[in-house]
Protein backbone atom coordinates (compact mmCIF):
# COMPACT_ATOMS: atom_id res chain seq x y z
CA UNK A 1 92.72 -134.18 31.87
CA UNK A 2 91.36 -130.85 34.41
CA UNK A 3 91.32 -127.84 32.01
CA UNK A 4 92.72 -125.21 32.86
CA UNK A 5 90.26 -123.10 33.32
CA UNK A 6 88.98 -124.87 36.23
CA UNK A 7 91.77 -125.05 37.90
CA UNK A 8 92.82 -121.55 36.93
CA UNK A 9 88.86 -120.99 39.08
CA UNK A 10 89.88 -123.23 42.17
CA UNK A 11 92.41 -121.74 42.14
CA UNK A 12 91.27 -117.69 42.76
CA UNK A 13 87.88 -119.12 45.05
CA UNK A 14 91.67 -120.62 47.87
CA UNK A 15 92.93 -117.06 47.07
CA UNK A 16 91.02 -114.38 49.53
CA UNK A 17 92.15 -111.77 51.38
CA UNK A 18 94.00 -113.85 54.35
CA UNK A 19 95.24 -116.47 52.47
CA UNK A 20 98.75 -117.24 54.04
CA UNK A 21 100.39 -117.80 50.41
CA UNK A 22 104.69 -118.32 49.14
CA UNK A 23 106.75 -117.73 46.61
CA UNK A 24 109.99 -117.29 45.64
CA UNK A 25 110.93 -118.53 49.33
CA UNK A 26 109.52 -115.67 50.68
CA UNK A 27 106.22 -115.76 52.89
CA UNK A 28 103.12 -113.37 52.92
CA UNK A 29 98.90 -112.37 53.12
CA UNK A 30 96.31 -111.91 49.99
CA UNK A 31 95.30 -108.49 50.40
CA UNK A 32 92.31 -108.64 48.41
CA UNK A 33 92.15 -108.73 44.76
CA UNK A 34 93.63 -106.60 42.40
CA UNK A 35 90.85 -103.44 40.91
CA UNK A 36 92.84 -101.74 38.52
CA UNK A 37 91.84 -101.42 35.09
CA UNK A 38 95.32 -103.32 33.64
CA UNK A 39 94.96 -106.64 35.80
CA UNK A 40 94.41 -109.81 35.25
CA UNK A 41 91.97 -111.34 36.85
CA UNK A 42 94.10 -113.75 39.59
CA UNK A 43 95.85 -111.12 39.93
CA UNK A 44 95.67 -109.62 44.47
CA UNK A 45 97.34 -107.54 46.21
CA UNK A 46 99.96 -109.65 48.25
CA UNK A 47 102.54 -107.83 51.63
CA UNK A 48 105.04 -109.85 51.90
CA UNK A 49 107.59 -110.12 54.91
CA UNK A 50 110.78 -109.08 53.69
CA UNK A 51 109.13 -105.54 51.76
CA UNK A 52 106.97 -102.59 53.55
CA UNK A 53 104.67 -101.90 50.59
CA UNK A 54 102.35 -104.51 49.70
CA UNK A 55 102.79 -105.94 45.42
CA UNK A 56 100.12 -106.47 43.02
CA UNK A 57 100.52 -110.79 42.30
CA UNK A 58 99.59 -113.45 40.33
CA UNK A 59 97.96 -115.87 41.70
CA UNK A 60 98.95 -118.56 39.48
CA UNK A 61 102.24 -118.36 40.47
CA UNK A 62 101.71 -118.43 44.90
CA UNK A 63 102.00 -121.38 46.35
CA UNK A 64 98.90 -120.83 49.35
CA UNK A 65 100.15 -122.41 52.27
CA UNK A 66 96.84 -122.72 55.12
CA UNK A 67 93.59 -120.97 53.02
CA UNK A 68 91.58 -118.10 55.04
CA UNK A 69 87.90 -119.25 55.93
């Protein structure tokens, strides 16, 4: 059994700027890590295709469709 933090570390290393992600039927691009004081370590800015402004999302809930290089 793998340790949950090792899974979290891998997931965050994949969520770089430009990574294509999906969540609840929507597709978006990761714009970068959220650096706000209250943000969790896994929070990222995502620009969703069906919204006009980027939103802060938990990287742990996002499905990676195409990882950025």
